[in-house]
Amino acid sequence: MAQITMYCKTTCPYCIKAEKLLRDKGVNDIEKIKIETNPEAKAEMISRSGGRTTVPQIFINGEHIGGCDDLIKLNAEGGLDAKLAAGSAGADVGSGASSEAKGEGSGSCSGGEGGCCGSCGGKGSEN
């Protein structure tokens, strides 16, 4: 099975929806990097995703897929199964820290493309 890395926030409905889709596809191991209280993880996410500040940001075998809407679109177009079946060739190891070490808490939303996580009430503000 493919190596999945997902930058997320604990209560983000888009993160939950993306994780559910992946689990429904048989993915049991998702490296969830929680960015709420970890500015280094958030900076890493922004860098790796080409400047995206919203969550989730999903990587399959090191390839940036995008956010929840991008994952759903990839699935609808029939491309998700092939990426998941590709195995761990070129697997994304992220920064090597466990999900727990990446931070957890109640962060705020950055808004923007790919869907707001909702924690800002849809305003897209940091605080």
N, C-alpha and C. Protein backbone atom coordinates (compact mmCIF):
# COMPACT_ATOMS: atom_id res chain seq x y z
N MET A 1 0.85 -1.19 0.00
CA MET A 1 0.00 0.00 0.00
C MET A 1 0.89 1.24 0.00
N ALA A 2 0.34 2.29 -0.49
CA ALA A 2 1.06 3.56 -0.63
C ALA A 2 1.35 4.20 0.72
N GLN A 3 2.36 5.05 0.73
CA GLN A 3 2.72 5.85 1.91
C GLN A 3 1.89 7.13 1.85
N ILE A 4 1.08 7.38 2.86
CA ILE A 4 0.21 8.55 2.91
C ILE A 4 0.66 9.47 4.04
N THR A 5 0.84 10.75 3.70
CA THR A 5 1.12 11.77 4.69
C THR A 5 0.04 12.83 4.55
N MET A 6 -0.57 13.20 5.67
CA MET A 6 -1.62 14.21 5.64
C MET A 6 -1.37 15.24 6.74
N TYR A 7 -1.13 16.47 6.32
CA TYR A 7 -1.05 17.58 7.27
C TYR A 7 -2.48 17.96 7.60
N CYS A 8 -2.78 18.07 8.90
CA CYS A 8 -4.18 18.24 9.29
C CYS A 8 -4.31 19.00 10.60
N LYS A 9 -5.57 19.27 10.93
CA LYS A 9 -5.95 19.80 12.23
C LYS A 9 -6.96 18.83 12.82
N THR A 10 -6.93 18.67 14.11
CA THR A 10 -7.70 17.64 14.80
C THR A 10 -9.19 17.68 14.49
N THR A 11 -9.81 18.85 14.51
CA THR A 11 -11.26 18.92 14.35
C THR A 11 -11.70 19.40 12.98
N CYS A 12 -10.80 19.49 12.02
CA CYS A 12 -11.12 19.97 10.68
C CYS A 12 -12.03 18.97 9.96
N PRO A 13 -13.23 19.40 9.55
CA PRO A 13 -14.14 18.48 8.87
C PRO A 13 -13.60 17.99 7.52
N TYR A 14 -12.81 18.81 6.83
CA TYR A 14 -12.23 18.38 5.56
C TYR A 14 -11.16 17.32 5.78
N CYS A 15 -10.42 17.44 6.85
CA CYS A 15 -9.41 16.44 7.20
C CYS A 15 -10.08 15.11 7.53
N ILE A 16 -11.16 15.19 8.28
CA ILE A 16 -11.91 13.99 8.66
C ILE A 16 -12.49 13.32 7.42
N LYS A 17 -13.04 14.13 6.51
CA LYS A 17 -13.63 13.60 5.28
C LYS A 17 -12.57 12.93 4.40
N ALA A 18 -11.41 13.57 4.27
CA ALA A 18 -10.33 13.00 3.47
C ALA A 18 -9.83 11.69 4.08
N GLU A 19 -9.68 11.68 5.40
CA GLU A 19 -9.24 10.45 6.07
C GLU A 19 -10.25 9.33 5.87
N LYS A 20 -11.54 9.66 5.95
CA LYS A 20 -12.58 8.64 5.75
C LYS A 20 -12.50 8.05 4.35
N LEU A 21 -12.32 8.90 3.34
CA LEU A 21 -12.21 8.39 1.97
C LEU A 21 -11.02 7.45 1.85
N LEU A 22 -9.89 7.84 2.41
CA LEU A 22 -8.71 6.98 2.34
C LEU A 22 -8.94 5.66 3.08
N ARG A 23 -9.55 5.72 4.25
CA ARG A 23 -9.84 4.49 5.01
C ARG A 23 -10.82 3.61 4.24
N ASP A 24 -11.83 4.23 3.60
CA ASP A 24 -12.78 3.46 2.79
C ASP A 24 -12.09 2.77 1.62
N LYS A 25 -10.97 3.31 1.18
CA LYS A 25 -10.18 2.72 0.10
C LYS A 25 -9.21 1.66 0.63
N GLY A 26 -9.24 1.40 1.93
CA GLY A 26 -8.41 0.36 2.51
C GLY A 26 -7.08 0.83 3.08
N VAL A 27 -6.89 2.14 3.15
CA VAL A 27 -5.65 2.67 3.72
C VAL A 27 -5.74 2.59 5.24
N ASN A 28 -4.82 1.88 5.85
CA ASN A 28 -4.83 1.72 7.30
C ASN A 28 -3.78 2.58 7.99
N ASP A 29 -2.76 2.98 7.26
CA ASP A 29 -1.66 3.72 7.87
C ASP A 29 -1.54 5.09 7.21
N ILE A 30 -1.95 6.11 7.93
CA ILE A 30 -1.85 7.49 7.47
C ILE A 30 -0.98 8.24 8.47
N GLU A 31 0.10 8.82 7.99
CA GLU A 31 0.92 9.67 8.86
C GLU A 31 0.21 11.02 8.93
N LYS A 32 -0.42 11.28 10.06
CA LYS A 32 -1.13 12.54 10.25
C LYS A 32 -0.22 13.50 11.01
N ILE A 33 0.10 14.60 10.36
CA ILE A 33 0.95 15.62 10.96
C ILE A 33 0.05 16.77 11.36
N LYS A 34 -0.15 16.91 12.65
CA LYS A 34 -1.08 17.92 13.17
C LYS A 34 -0.34 19.24 13.35
N ILE A 35 -0.89 20.29 12.72
CA ILE A 35 -0.17 21.56 12.67
C ILE A 35 -0.66 22.60 13.67
N GLU A 36 -1.68 22.29 14.47
CA GLU A 36 -2.26 23.29 15.37
C GLU A 36 -1.24 24.02 16.23
N THR A 37 -0.41 23.28 16.89
CA THR A 37 0.52 23.88 17.85
C THR A 37 1.98 23.70 17.44
N ASN A 38 2.20 23.41 16.18
CA ASN A 38 3.55 23.14 15.72
C ASN A 38 3.88 24.01 14.51
N PRO A 39 4.44 25.20 14.74
CA PRO A 39 4.73 26.10 13.63
C PRO A 39 5.74 25.52 12.63
N GLU A 40 6.64 24.66 13.09
CA GLU A 40 7.60 24.04 12.18
C GLU A 40 6.88 23.11 11.20
N ALA A 41 5.91 22.34 11.71
CA ALA A 41 5.15 21.45 10.84
C ALA A 41 4.31 22.24 9.85
N LYS A 42 3.74 23.36 10.31
CA LYS A 42 2.95 24.20 9.41
C LYS A 42 3.83 24.78 8.31
N ALA A 43 5.02 25.25 8.67
CA ALA A 43 5.96 25.79 7.68
C ALA A 43 6.38 24.71 6.68
N GLU A 44 6.62 23.51 7.19
CA GLU A 44 6.97 22.39 6.32
C GLU A 44 5.84 22.10 5.34
N MET A 45 4.60 22.10 5.82
CA MET A 45 3.43 21.86 4.97
C MET A 45 3.35 22.90 3.86
N ILE A 46 3.49 24.16 4.23
CA ILE A 46 3.40 25.25 3.26
C ILE A 46 4.49 25.11 2.20
N SER A 47 5.69 24.78 2.63
CA SER A 47 6.80 24.61 1.70
C SER A 47 6.57 23.43 0.76
N ARG A 48 6.19 22.30 1.32
CA ARG A 48 6.02 21.08 0.52
C ARG A 48 4.83 21.16 -0.43
N SER A 49 3.82 21.96 -0.07
CA SER A 49 2.59 22.02 -0.87
C SER A 49 2.59 23.17 -1.87
N GLY A 50 3.71 23.84 -2.02
CA GLY A 50 3.79 24.93 -2.98
C GLY A 50 3.09 26.19 -2.52
N GLY A 51 3.02 26.39 -1.21
CA GLY A 51 2.45 27.62 -0.67
C GLY A 51 1.04 27.51 -0.13
N ARG A 52 0.45 26.35 -0.21
CA ARG A 52 -0.91 26.19 0.32
C ARG A 52 -0.89 26.26 1.84
N THR A 53 -1.88 26.95 2.39
CA THR A 53 -1.94 27.14 3.85
C THR A 53 -3.14 26.46 4.48
N THR A 54 -3.98 25.83 3.67
CA THR A 54 -5.17 25.18 4.20
C THR A 54 -4.90 23.71 4.49
N VAL A 55 -5.73 23.13 5.31
CA VAL A 55 -5.65 21.70 5.60
C VAL A 55 -6.93 21.02 5.14
N PRO A 56 -6.82 19.74 4.78
CA PRO A 56 -5.61 18.93 4.78
C PRO A 56 -4.74 19.22 3.56
N GLN A 57 -3.49 18.85 3.66
CA GLN A 57 -2.59 18.76 2.51
C GLN A 57 -2.12 17.31 2.49
N ILE A 58 -2.39 16.63 1.40
CA ILE A 58 -2.22 15.18 1.32
C ILE A 58 -1.12 14.84 0.32
N PHE A 59 -0.27 13.91 0.72
CA PHE A 59 0.80 13.41 -0.13
C PHE A 59 0.66 11.89 -0.22
N ILE A 60 0.77 11.36 -1.44
CA ILE A 60 0.76 9.91 -1.65
C ILE A 60 2.10 9.56 -2.29
N ASN A 61 2.86 8.73 -1.60
CA ASN A 61 4.21 8.35 -2.06
C ASN A 61 5.05 9.57 -2.41
N GLY A 62 4.92 10.61 -1.60
CA GLY A 62 5.71 11.81 -1.80
C GLY A 62 5.15 12.80 -2.80
N GLU A 63 4.12 12.41 -3.53
CA GLU A 63 3.50 13.30 -4.52
C GLU A 63 2.40 14.11 -3.87
N HIS A 64 2.45 15.42 -4.05
CA HIS A 64 1.43 16.29 -3.47
C HIS A 64 0.13 16.12 -4.25
N ILE A 65 -0.91 15.70 -3.55
CA ILE A 65 -2.23 15.53 -4.15
C ILE A 65 -3.04 16.81 -4.01
N GLY A 66 -2.90 17.47 -2.88
CA GLY A 66 -3.66 18.69 -2.61
C GLY A 66 -4.52 18.51 -1.39
N GLY A 67 -5.67 19.17 -1.39
CA GLY A 67 -6.58 19.12 -0.26
C GLY A 67 -7.67 18.08 -0.44
N CYS A 68 -8.68 18.17 0.40
CA CYS A 68 -9.78 17.22 0.38
C CYS A 68 -10.49 17.21 -0.97
N ASP A 69 -10.81 18.40 -1.49
CA ASP A 69 -11.50 18.48 -2.78
C ASP A 69 -10.66 17.85 -3.89
N ASP A 70 -9.36 18.04 -3.84
CA ASP A 70 -8.47 17.45 -4.84
C ASP A 70 -8.47 15.93 -4.74
N LEU A 71 -8.48 15.42 -3.52
CA LEU A 71 -8.52 13.97 -3.30
C LEU A 71 -9.83 13.39 -3.83
N ILE A 72 -10.93 14.06 -3.55
CA ILE A 72 -12.24 13.60 -4.03
C ILE A 72 -12.29 13.61 -5.55
N LYS A 73 -11.76 14.67 -6.15
CA LYS A 73 -11.72 14.77 -7.62
C LYS A 73 -10.87 13.66 -8.22
N LEU A 74 -9.70 13.41 -7.63
CA LEU A 74 -8.83 12.34 -8.10
C LEU A 74 -9.56 11.00 -8.05
N ASN A 75 -10.30 10.77 -6.98
CA ASN A 75 -11.06 9.54 -6.85
C ASN A 75 -12.16 9.46 -7.91
N ALA A 76 -12.88 10.55 -8.13
CA ALA A 76 -13.97 10.58 -9.10
C ALA A 76 -13.46 10.33 -10.52
N GLU A 77 -12.24 10.79 -10.79
CA GLU A 77 -11.64 10.61 -12.11
C GLU A 77 -10.98 9.24 -12.27
N GLY A 78 -10.99 8.44 -11.20
CA GLY A 78 -10.44 7.10 -11.27
C GLY A 78 -8.94 6.99 -11.03
N GLY A 79 -8.30 8.06 -10.60
CA GLY A 79 -6.86 8.04 -10.41
C GLY A 79 -6.38 7.66 -9.03
N LEU A 80 -7.27 7.73 -8.04
CA LEU A 80 -6.84 7.48 -6.66
C LEU A 80 -6.43 6.03 -6.45
N ASP A 81 -7.20 5.09 -6.95
CA ASP A 81 -6.88 3.67 -6.75
C ASP A 81 -5.50 3.33 -7.29
N ALA A 82 -5.16 3.86 -8.46
CA ALA A 82 -3.85 3.58 -9.05
C ALA A 82 -2.72 4.14 -8.19
N LYS A 83 -2.91 5.34 -7.67
CA LYS A 83 -1.88 5.94 -6.81
C LYS A 83 -1.72 5.14 -5.52
N LEU A 84 -2.83 4.68 -4.97
CA LEU A 84 -2.77 3.90 -3.73
C LEU A 84 -2.13 2.54 -3.97
N ALA A 85 -2.34 1.98 -5.15
CA ALA A 85 -1.78 0.67 -5.47
C ALA A 85 -0.31 0.74 -5.85
N ALA A 86 0.19 1.94 -6.07
CA ALA A 86 1.57 2.10 -6.53
C ALA A 86 2.60 1.64 -5.51
N GLY A 87 2.17 1.38 -4.29
CA GLY A 87 3.10 0.90 -3.28
C GLY A 87 3.95 2.00 -2.71
N SER A 88 5.06 1.63 -2.16
CA SER A 88 5.89 2.60 -1.44
C SER A 88 7.10 3.06 -2.24
N ALA A 89 7.11 2.85 -3.55
CA ALA A 89 8.23 3.34 -4.35
C ALA A 89 8.30 4.85 -4.24
N GLY A 90 9.44 5.36 -3.83
CA GLY A 90 9.61 6.79 -3.65
C GLY A 90 8.79 7.32 -2.50
N ALA A 91 8.58 6.50 -1.51
CA ALA A 91 7.71 6.86 -0.39
C ALA A 91 8.14 8.14 0.29
N ASP A 92 7.16 8.88 0.72
CA ASP A 92 7.37 10.14 1.41
C ASP A 92 7.59 9.86 2.89
N VAL A 93 8.72 10.24 3.39
CA VAL A 93 9.00 10.01 4.80
C VAL A 93 8.81 11.26 5.63
N GLY A 94 8.40 12.35 5.00
CA GLY A 94 8.16 13.58 5.75
C GLY A 94 9.39 13.98 6.53
N SER A 95 9.20 14.44 7.74
CA SER A 95 10.34 14.84 8.56
C SER A 95 10.73 13.74 9.53
N GLY A 96 10.02 12.61 9.48
CA GLY A 96 10.37 11.49 10.32
C GLY A 96 9.77 11.51 11.71
N ALA A 97 9.11 12.58 12.09
CA ALA A 97 8.53 12.66 13.43
C ALA A 97 7.15 12.01 13.42
N SER A 98 6.78 11.45 14.53
CA SER A 98 5.47 10.82 14.63
C SER A 98 4.38 11.88 14.65
N SER A 99 3.14 11.46 14.39
CA SER A 99 2.01 12.38 14.42
C SER A 99 1.91 13.07 15.76
N GLU A 100 2.12 12.33 16.82
CA GLU A 100 2.00 12.92 18.15
C GLU A 100 3.05 14.00 18.36
N ALA A 101 4.24 13.78 17.82
CA ALA A 101 5.31 14.77 17.99
C ALA A 101 5.08 16.00 17.14
N LYS A 102 4.19 15.91 16.16
CA LYS A 102 3.97 17.02 15.26
C LYS A 102 3.04 18.08 15.83
N GLY A 103 2.41 17.83 16.95
CA GLY A 103 1.59 18.86 17.58
C GLY A 103 0.12 18.55 17.49
N GLU A 104 -0.59 18.98 18.48
CA GLU A 104 -2.01 18.73 18.55
C GLU A 104 -2.63 19.81 19.42
N GLY A 105 -3.83 20.19 19.13
CA GLY A 105 -4.50 21.21 19.93
C GLY A 105 -5.62 21.84 19.16
N SER A 106 -6.01 23.05 19.53
CA SER A 106 -7.09 23.72 18.84
C SER A 106 -6.55 24.94 18.14
N GLY A 107 -6.16 24.76 16.88
CA GLY A 107 -5.60 25.85 16.11
C GLY A 107 -6.67 26.68 15.44
N SER A 108 -6.25 27.59 14.61
CA SER A 108 -7.19 28.42 13.88
C SER A 108 -6.95 28.24 12.39
N CYS A 109 -7.92 28.63 11.61
CA CYS A 109 -7.93 28.37 10.18
C CYS A 109 -7.14 29.41 9.40
N SER A 110 -6.58 28.96 8.30
CA SER A 110 -5.90 29.87 7.40
C SER A 110 -6.75 30.21 6.20
N GLY A 111 -7.91 29.56 6.06
CA GLY A 111 -8.80 29.84 4.93
C GLY A 111 -8.13 29.52 3.60
N GLY A 112 -8.65 30.07 2.53
CA GLY A 112 -8.02 29.93 1.23
C GLY A 112 -8.54 28.76 0.44
N GLU A 113 -7.87 28.46 -0.69
CA GLU A 113 -8.34 27.42 -1.58
C GLU A 113 -8.20 26.04 -0.95
N GLY A 114 -9.01 25.10 -1.43
CA GLY A 114 -8.95 23.74 -0.93
C GLY A 114 -9.88 23.50 0.24
N GLY A 115 -10.58 24.51 0.68
CA GLY A 115 -11.54 24.33 1.75
C GLY A 115 -11.04 24.80 3.09
N CYS A 116 -11.85 25.56 3.73
CA CYS A 116 -11.55 26.06 5.07
C CYS A 116 -11.80 24.93 6.06
N CYS A 117 -11.00 24.86 7.10
CA CYS A 117 -11.19 23.80 8.09
C CYS A 117 -12.38 24.10 8.99
N GLY A 118 -12.89 25.31 8.95
CA GLY A 118 -14.08 25.65 9.72
C GLY A 118 -13.82 26.23 11.09
N SER A 119 -12.60 26.12 11.60
CA SER A 119 -12.36 26.58 12.96
C SER A 119 -12.40 28.09 13.09
N CYS A 120 -12.38 28.80 11.97
CA CYS A 120 -12.44 30.26 12.01
C CYS A 120 -13.83 30.76 11.66
N GLY A 121 -14.78 29.83 11.51
CA GLY A 121 -16.13 30.22 11.10
C GLY A 121 -16.19 30.62 9.64
N GLY A 122 -15.22 30.19 8.84
CA GLY A 122 -15.21 30.48 7.42
C GLY A 122 -14.61 31.82 7.05
N LYS A 123 -14.06 32.53 8.02
CA LYS A 123 -13.50 33.86 7.76
C LYS A 123 -12.08 33.80 7.21
N GLY A 124 -11.42 32.66 7.38
CA GLY A 124 -10.07 32.51 6.87
C GLY A 124 -9.02 33.29 7.63
N SER A 125 -9.30 33.61 8.88
CA SER A 125 -8.34 34.40 9.65
C SER A 125 -7.53 33.51 10.57
N GLU A 126 -6.33 33.91 10.83
CA GLU A 126 -5.44 33.15 11.71
C GLU A 126 -5.95 33.15 13.13
N ASN A 127 -6.52 34.22 13.61
CA ASN A 127 -7.02 34.31 14.98
C ASN A 127 -8.35 35.00 15.01
